[in-house]
Amino acid sequence: MVMHTRFAPSPTGRLHLGHALSATRAHDCARTAGGRFSLRIEDIDGTRSRPEHVEAILRDLEWLGLGWDGPVTFQSQRLNLYQQALDRLRNMGLLYPCFCTRADIAASLSAPHGPEGTAYPGICRGLAAPDLTRPHSWRLDVAKALKLPLSFSQGGRGIWWHDIFAGHIRADPLSHGDIILARKDAPASYHLAATVDDAAQGITHIVRGKDLFGATHIHRLLQALLDLPTPEYRHHELLLGPDGQRLAKRHGAPTLEAMRLAGEDGRALADRLREGRLPVGFRSAKA
């Protein structure tokens, strides 16, 4: 089996050093094994994705010296695949419409006798006659899904996945609650689109940060429900900025574009990341 990895950024902002680490790890993993490295643009969020961010992503990766195989894949051009997956899950009786706003959910979670935790409390589960003319998302009934025989493996002892650093992990999707698979403002959620795309593209090894370790519990369940193969996972360390916070677009992390425009050598930066040598003020940390 030929190793096939991918880097799948969202064009909702500029890439930062954490993205450079993840892209370099995925690229090198494939190249060392004589495999393939793909670039997928996760532009399913039509309200925040921007063409200029796509152009910047391509320039940044070229600046780092990371070449990809085949054409760039765009999620916005693959909506039919996500709809097919949704239809299949709906026909299995595993989806239900959800009309809740974030305020509704927050109010329920903070009620004196409301459910504890941050998972969706199931407000809309079991509605007798939902009005589908109102804006709604579609949620997966996780507890119901876990009762199906096809969602199990390992002799009926649960569903599992393997991380090269953490070993064999028993998936615990129930702890995440009934996750959204299609949003009110988007035809598919990150969880559904990424899982479907990884299978359709033949991705054998998923290299990404430890901040997405928890998401793998959900992805593993979707793979079992949709009869999709399970890749091997490699969740690498995260990077912290000078302020001690995890690097993130929403926190204004220093961008690769700024480094590039300042005249820094991108290939040299990628080599330093491979060696674990970070710019002054940055450090790695566990998620």
Protein backbone atom coordinates (compact mmCIF):
# COMPACT_ATOMS: atom_id res chain seq x y z
CA MET A 1 0.00 0.00 0.00
CA VAL A 2 1.38 3.39 -1.02
CA MET A 3 1.36 5.93 1.80
CA HIS A 4 -0.86 8.91 1.05
CA THR A 5 -1.00 11.96 3.33
CA ARG A 6 -2.62 15.35 2.98
CA PHE A 7 -2.57 18.91 4.25
CA ALA A 8 -6.06 20.40 4.45
CA PRO A 9 -6.16 24.07 5.51
CA SER A 10 -9.24 26.27 5.57
CA PRO A 11 -8.94 29.51 3.56
CA THR A 12 -10.44 31.61 6.34
CA GLY A 13 -7.19 33.41 7.16
CA ARG A 14 -3.45 33.29 6.64
CA LEU A 15 -1.32 30.30 7.63
CA HIS A 16 0.92 30.50 10.69
CA LEU A 17 3.88 28.56 12.06
CA GLY A 18 1.65 25.80 13.39
CA HIS A 19 0.33 25.19 9.90
CA ALA A 20 3.89 25.10 8.59
CA LEU A 21 4.76 22.39 11.14
CA SER A 22 1.73 20.28 10.23
CA ALA A 23 2.24 20.66 6.48
CA THR A 24 5.93 19.80 6.78
CA ARG A 25 5.20 16.71 8.90
CA ALA A 26 2.56 15.43 6.46
CA HIS A 27 4.76 16.18 3.45
CA ASP A 28 7.84 14.50 4.89
CA CYS A 29 5.88 11.48 6.11
CA ALA A 30 4.82 10.73 2.54
CA ARG A 31 8.10 11.63 0.86
CA THR A 32 10.18 9.46 3.22
CA ALA A 33 7.97 6.48 2.41
CA GLY A 34 7.95 7.18 -1.32
CA GLY A 35 4.25 8.02 -1.13
CA ARG A 36 1.88 10.78 -2.18
CA PHE A 37 1.16 14.14 -0.56
CA SER A 38 -2.07 15.96 -1.43
CA LEU A 39 -3.32 19.48 -0.81
CA ARG A 40 -7.00 19.91 0.00
CA ILE A 41 -8.60 23.32 0.53
CA GLU A 42 -11.44 23.03 3.03
CA ASP A 43 -13.50 25.94 1.72
CA ILE A 44 -16.91 24.62 2.65
CA ASP A 45 -17.55 27.66 4.86
CA GLY A 46 -18.76 30.01 2.13
CA THR A 47 -19.19 32.95 4.49
CA ARG A 48 -15.55 33.04 5.68
CA SER A 49 -13.52 31.44 2.89
CA ARG A 50 -11.69 33.89 0.63
CA PRO A 51 -9.89 33.40 -2.72
CA GLU A 52 -7.03 35.59 -1.53
CA HIS A 53 -6.42 33.19 1.36
CA VAL A 54 -6.23 30.27 -1.10
CA GLU A 55 -3.62 32.15 -3.14
CA ALA A 56 -1.64 32.89 0.02
CA ILE A 57 -1.73 29.21 1.07
CA LEU A 58 -0.26 28.14 -2.26
CA ARG A 59 2.47 30.79 -2.05
CA ASP A 60 3.33 29.85 1.54
CA LEU A 61 3.67 26.13 0.76
CA GLU A 62 5.84 26.84 -2.27
CA TRP A 63 7.94 29.19 -0.12
CA LEU A 64 8.43 26.36 2.39
CA GLY A 65 9.53 24.07 -0.45
CA LEU A 66 6.58 21.70 -0.02
CA GLY A 67 5.31 20.35 -3.31
CA TRP A 68 2.09 18.36 -3.60
CA ASP A 69 0.99 15.62 -5.98
CA GLY A 70 -1.89 16.06 -8.40
CA PRO A 71 -4.33 18.96 -8.57
CA VAL A 72 -5.46 20.88 -5.51
CA THR A 73 -8.80 19.58 -4.21
CA PHE A 74 -11.53 22.02 -3.15
CA GLN A 75 -14.32 20.90 -0.84
CA SER A 76 -16.72 23.39 -2.44
CA GLN A 77 -16.56 21.24 -5.58
CA ARG A 78 -17.42 18.01 -3.74
CA LEU A 79 -20.80 18.84 -2.19
CA ASN A 80 -22.51 15.91 -3.91
CA LEU A 81 -20.31 13.47 -1.96
CA TYR A 82 -21.35 15.00 1.35
CA GLN A 83 -25.01 14.96 0.35
CA GLN A 84 -24.77 11.27 -0.51
CA ALA A 85 -23.31 10.55 2.93
CA LEU A 86 -26.03 12.59 4.63
CA ASP A 87 -28.74 10.81 2.65
CA ARG A 88 -27.35 7.45 3.66
CA LEU A 89 -27.28 8.36 7.36
CA ARG A 90 -30.76 9.88 7.11
CA ASN A 91 -32.12 6.70 5.50
CA MET A 92 -30.59 4.78 8.41
CA GLY A 93 -32.69 6.90 10.76
CA LEU A 94 -29.63 8.43 12.43
CA LEU A 95 -30.15 12.14 11.69
CA TYR A 96 -32.56 14.61 13.22
CA PRO A 97 -33.15 18.33 12.55
CA CYS A 98 -31.95 20.80 15.16
CA PHE A 99 -33.35 24.32 15.41
CA CYS A 100 -31.31 25.42 18.43
CA THR A 101 -29.23 28.55 18.52
CA ARG A 102 -26.06 28.80 20.57
CA ALA A 103 -28.04 30.84 23.09
CA ASP A 104 -30.62 28.04 23.40
CA ILE A 105 -27.93 25.48 24.08
CA ALA A 106 -26.07 27.72 26.53
CA ALA A 107 -29.28 28.40 28.44
CA SER A 108 -30.03 24.69 28.69
CA LEU A 109 -26.55 23.83 29.89
CA SER A 110 -26.62 26.57 32.54
CA ALA A 111 -30.09 25.76 33.86
CA PRO A 112 -30.20 24.73 37.57
CA HIS A 113 -31.36 21.22 36.70
CA GLY A 114 -29.99 21.08 33.17
CA PRO A 115 -27.46 18.56 31.88
CA GLU A 116 -23.83 18.98 32.79
CA GLY A 117 -20.95 19.32 30.38
CA THR A 118 -20.61 21.02 27.02
CA ALA A 119 -22.00 18.34 24.68
CA TYR A 120 -25.31 19.06 22.96
CA PRO A 121 -28.08 18.27 25.48
CA GLY A 122 -30.48 16.75 22.93
CA ILE A 123 -33.10 19.51 22.98
CA CYS A 124 -34.41 18.69 19.48
CA ARG A 125 -33.95 14.93 19.61
CA GLY A 126 -37.31 13.22 19.22
CA LEU A 127 -39.37 16.21 18.07
CA ALA A 128 -42.73 14.85 16.94
CA ALA A 129 -43.39 17.13 13.96
CA PRO A 130 -40.39 19.34 13.17
CA ASP A 131 -41.04 22.28 10.86
CA LEU A 132 -38.36 21.88 8.20
CA THR A 133 -39.24 25.23 6.65
CA ARG A 134 -37.41 26.85 9.56
CA PRO A 135 -33.60 27.18 9.46
CA HIS A 136 -32.08 24.03 10.92
CA SER A 137 -28.99 21.89 11.09
CA TRP A 138 -28.80 18.09 11.04
CA ARG A 139 -27.38 16.20 14.01
CA LEU A 140 -26.23 12.61 14.34
CA ASP A 141 -27.99 10.56 17.01
CA VAL A 142 -24.79 9.08 18.40
CA ALA A 143 -26.36 6.78 20.98
CA LYS A 144 -28.64 5.28 18.34
CA ALA A 145 -25.72 4.89 15.94
CA LEU A 146 -23.68 2.99 18.51
CA LYS A 147 -26.46 0.40 18.83
CA LEU A 148 -26.06 -0.67 15.21
CA PRO A 149 -23.99 -3.83 14.58
CA LEU A 150 -22.10 -2.21 11.71
CA SER A 151 -20.69 0.44 14.01
CA PHE A 152 -18.66 -2.14 15.92
CA SER A 153 -15.42 -3.99 15.31
CA GLN A 154 -12.86 -5.97 17.29
CA GLY A 155 -15.38 -8.77 17.94
CA GLY A 156 -18.11 -6.41 19.11
CA ARG A 157 -15.95 -4.69 21.71
CA GLY A 158 -16.24 -1.17 20.32
CA ILE A 159 -14.66 0.82 17.53
CA TRP A 160 -10.96 1.56 17.56
CA TRP A 161 -8.34 3.64 15.82
CA HIS A 162 -4.56 3.79 16.01
CA ASP A 163 -2.32 6.77 16.61
CA ILE A 164 1.39 6.27 15.97
CA PHE A 165 2.22 8.17 19.18
CA ALA A 166 -0.66 7.15 21.48
CA GLY A 167 -1.22 3.55 20.39
CA HIS A 168 -4.61 1.85 20.03
CA ILE A 169 -7.50 4.09 21.09
CA ARG A 170 -11.05 2.99 21.74
CA ALA A 171 -13.34 5.59 20.20
CA ASP A 172 -15.67 7.41 22.60
CA PRO A 173 -17.97 9.45 20.33
CA LEU A 174 -20.74 9.50 22.92
CA SER A 175 -18.74 11.96 25.02
CA HIS A 176 -19.02 14.49 22.20
CA GLY A 177 -22.81 14.39 22.11
CA ASP A 178 -24.95 14.54 18.98
CA ILE A 179 -22.61 16.41 16.68
CA ILE A 180 -23.76 18.51 13.73
CA LEU A 181 -23.17 16.99 10.29
CA ALA A 182 -24.84 19.72 8.22
CA ARG A 183 -25.04 23.30 9.47
CA LYS A 184 -27.72 25.89 8.87
CA ASP A 185 -25.22 27.92 6.84
CA ALA A 186 -23.15 25.11 5.27
CA PRO A 187 -24.01 21.85 3.46
CA ALA A 188 -21.70 19.76 5.62
CA SER A 189 -19.74 20.07 8.85
CA TYR A 190 -15.98 19.71 9.16
CA HIS A 191 -16.44 16.24 10.67
CA LEU A 192 -18.48 14.87 7.79
CA ALA A 193 -16.61 16.57 4.93
CA ALA A 194 -13.14 15.65 6.19
CA THR A 195 -14.09 12.03 6.82
CA VAL A 196 -15.72 11.59 3.42
CA ASP A 197 -12.85 13.32 1.61
CA ASP A 198 -10.11 11.33 3.33
CA ALA A 199 -11.78 8.11 2.19
CA ALA A 200 -12.54 9.35 -1.35
CA GLN A 201 -8.94 10.51 -1.80
CA GLY A 202 -7.44 7.30 -0.45
CA ILE A 203 -5.64 8.97 2.46
CA THR A 204 -3.81 6.27 4.40
CA HIS A 205 -2.12 8.39 7.10
CA ILE A 206 -3.59 11.53 8.65
CA VAL A 207 -0.96 13.86 10.09
CA ARG A 208 -2.38 16.74 12.13
CA GLY A 209 -2.11 18.54 15.44
CA LYS A 210 -3.17 17.16 18.81
CA ASP A 211 -5.93 19.76 18.97
CA LEU A 212 -7.85 17.45 16.59
CA PHE A 213 -7.20 14.27 18.58
CA GLY A 214 -10.70 14.41 20.09
CA ALA A 215 -12.32 14.86 16.68
CA THR A 216 -10.98 11.46 15.66
CA HIS A 217 -13.48 9.77 17.98
CA ILE A 218 -16.27 11.22 15.82
CA HIS A 219 -14.49 10.53 12.53
CA ARG A 220 -13.97 6.90 13.50
CA LEU A 221 -17.71 6.50 14.15
CA LEU A 222 -18.56 8.05 10.77
CA GLN A 223 -16.12 5.70 9.06
CA ALA A 224 -17.84 2.72 10.66
CA LEU A 225 -21.33 3.94 9.76
CA LEU A 226 -20.43 4.74 6.14
CA ASP A 227 -18.25 1.65 5.59
CA LEU A 228 -15.15 3.76 5.00
CA PRO A 229 -11.55 2.69 5.62
CA THR A 230 -9.76 3.86 8.75
CA PRO A 231 -6.41 5.61 8.20
CA GLU A 232 -3.56 5.59 10.67
CA TYR A 233 -3.27 8.81 12.65
CA ARG A 234 -0.28 10.86 13.72
CA HIS A 235 -1.32 13.71 16.02
CA HIS A 236 1.78 15.82 16.51
CA GLU A 237 2.64 18.40 19.16
CA LEU A 238 1.21 21.91 19.05
CA LEU A 239 3.10 25.19 19.03
CA LEU A 240 2.69 28.01 21.53
CA GLY A 241 3.36 31.63 20.71
CA PRO A 242 5.28 34.22 22.76
CA ASP A 243 2.08 34.84 24.77
CA GLY A 244 1.95 31.17 25.81
CA GLN A 245 -1.25 30.55 23.82
CA ARG A 246 -1.71 27.91 21.13
CA LEU A 247 -1.17 29.39 17.70
CA ALA A 248 -4.51 30.12 16.05
CA LYS A 249 -5.86 32.39 13.34
CA ARG A 250 -8.48 33.86 15.63
CA HIS A 251 -5.80 34.87 18.14
CA GLY A 252 -3.81 36.75 15.55
CA ALA A 253 -0.87 34.34 15.36
CA PRO A 254 2.10 35.68 13.33
CA THR A 255 1.58 34.62 9.73
CA LEU A 256 3.88 32.85 7.29
CA GLU A 257 3.06 35.59 4.82
CA ALA A 258 4.57 38.19 7.14
CA MET A 259 7.71 36.10 7.51
CA ARG A 260 7.91 35.63 3.76
CA LEU A 261 7.44 39.31 3.01
CA ALA A 262 10.07 40.14 5.63
CA GLY A 263 12.58 38.21 3.52
CA GLU A 264 12.90 35.06 5.62
CA ASP A 265 14.02 31.89 3.84
CA GLY A 266 11.05 29.52 3.82
CA ARG A 267 13.02 26.36 3.03
CA ALA A 268 15.42 27.12 5.87
CA LEU A 269 12.44 27.63 8.18
CA ALA A 270 11.01 24.24 7.17
CA ASP A 271 14.38 22.62 7.88
CA ARG A 272 14.47 24.20 11.33
CA LEU A 273 10.99 22.87 12.04
CA ARG A 274 12.17 19.39 11.05
CA GLU A 275 15.01 19.72 13.56
CA GLY A 276 12.74 21.07 16.29
CA ARG A 277 14.37 24.50 16.27
CA LEU A 278 11.68 27.16 16.62
CA PRO A 279 11.93 30.94 16.24
CA VAL A 280 12.69 32.84 19.43
CA GLY A 281 9.64 33.01 21.70
CA PHE A 282 7.89 29.94 20.27
CA ARG A 283 7.80 26.52 21.90
CA SER A 284 6.04 23.19 21.48
CA ALA A 285 3.49 21.88 23.95
CA LYS A 286 1.03 19.05 24.39
CA ALA A 287 -2.60 19.75 23.61
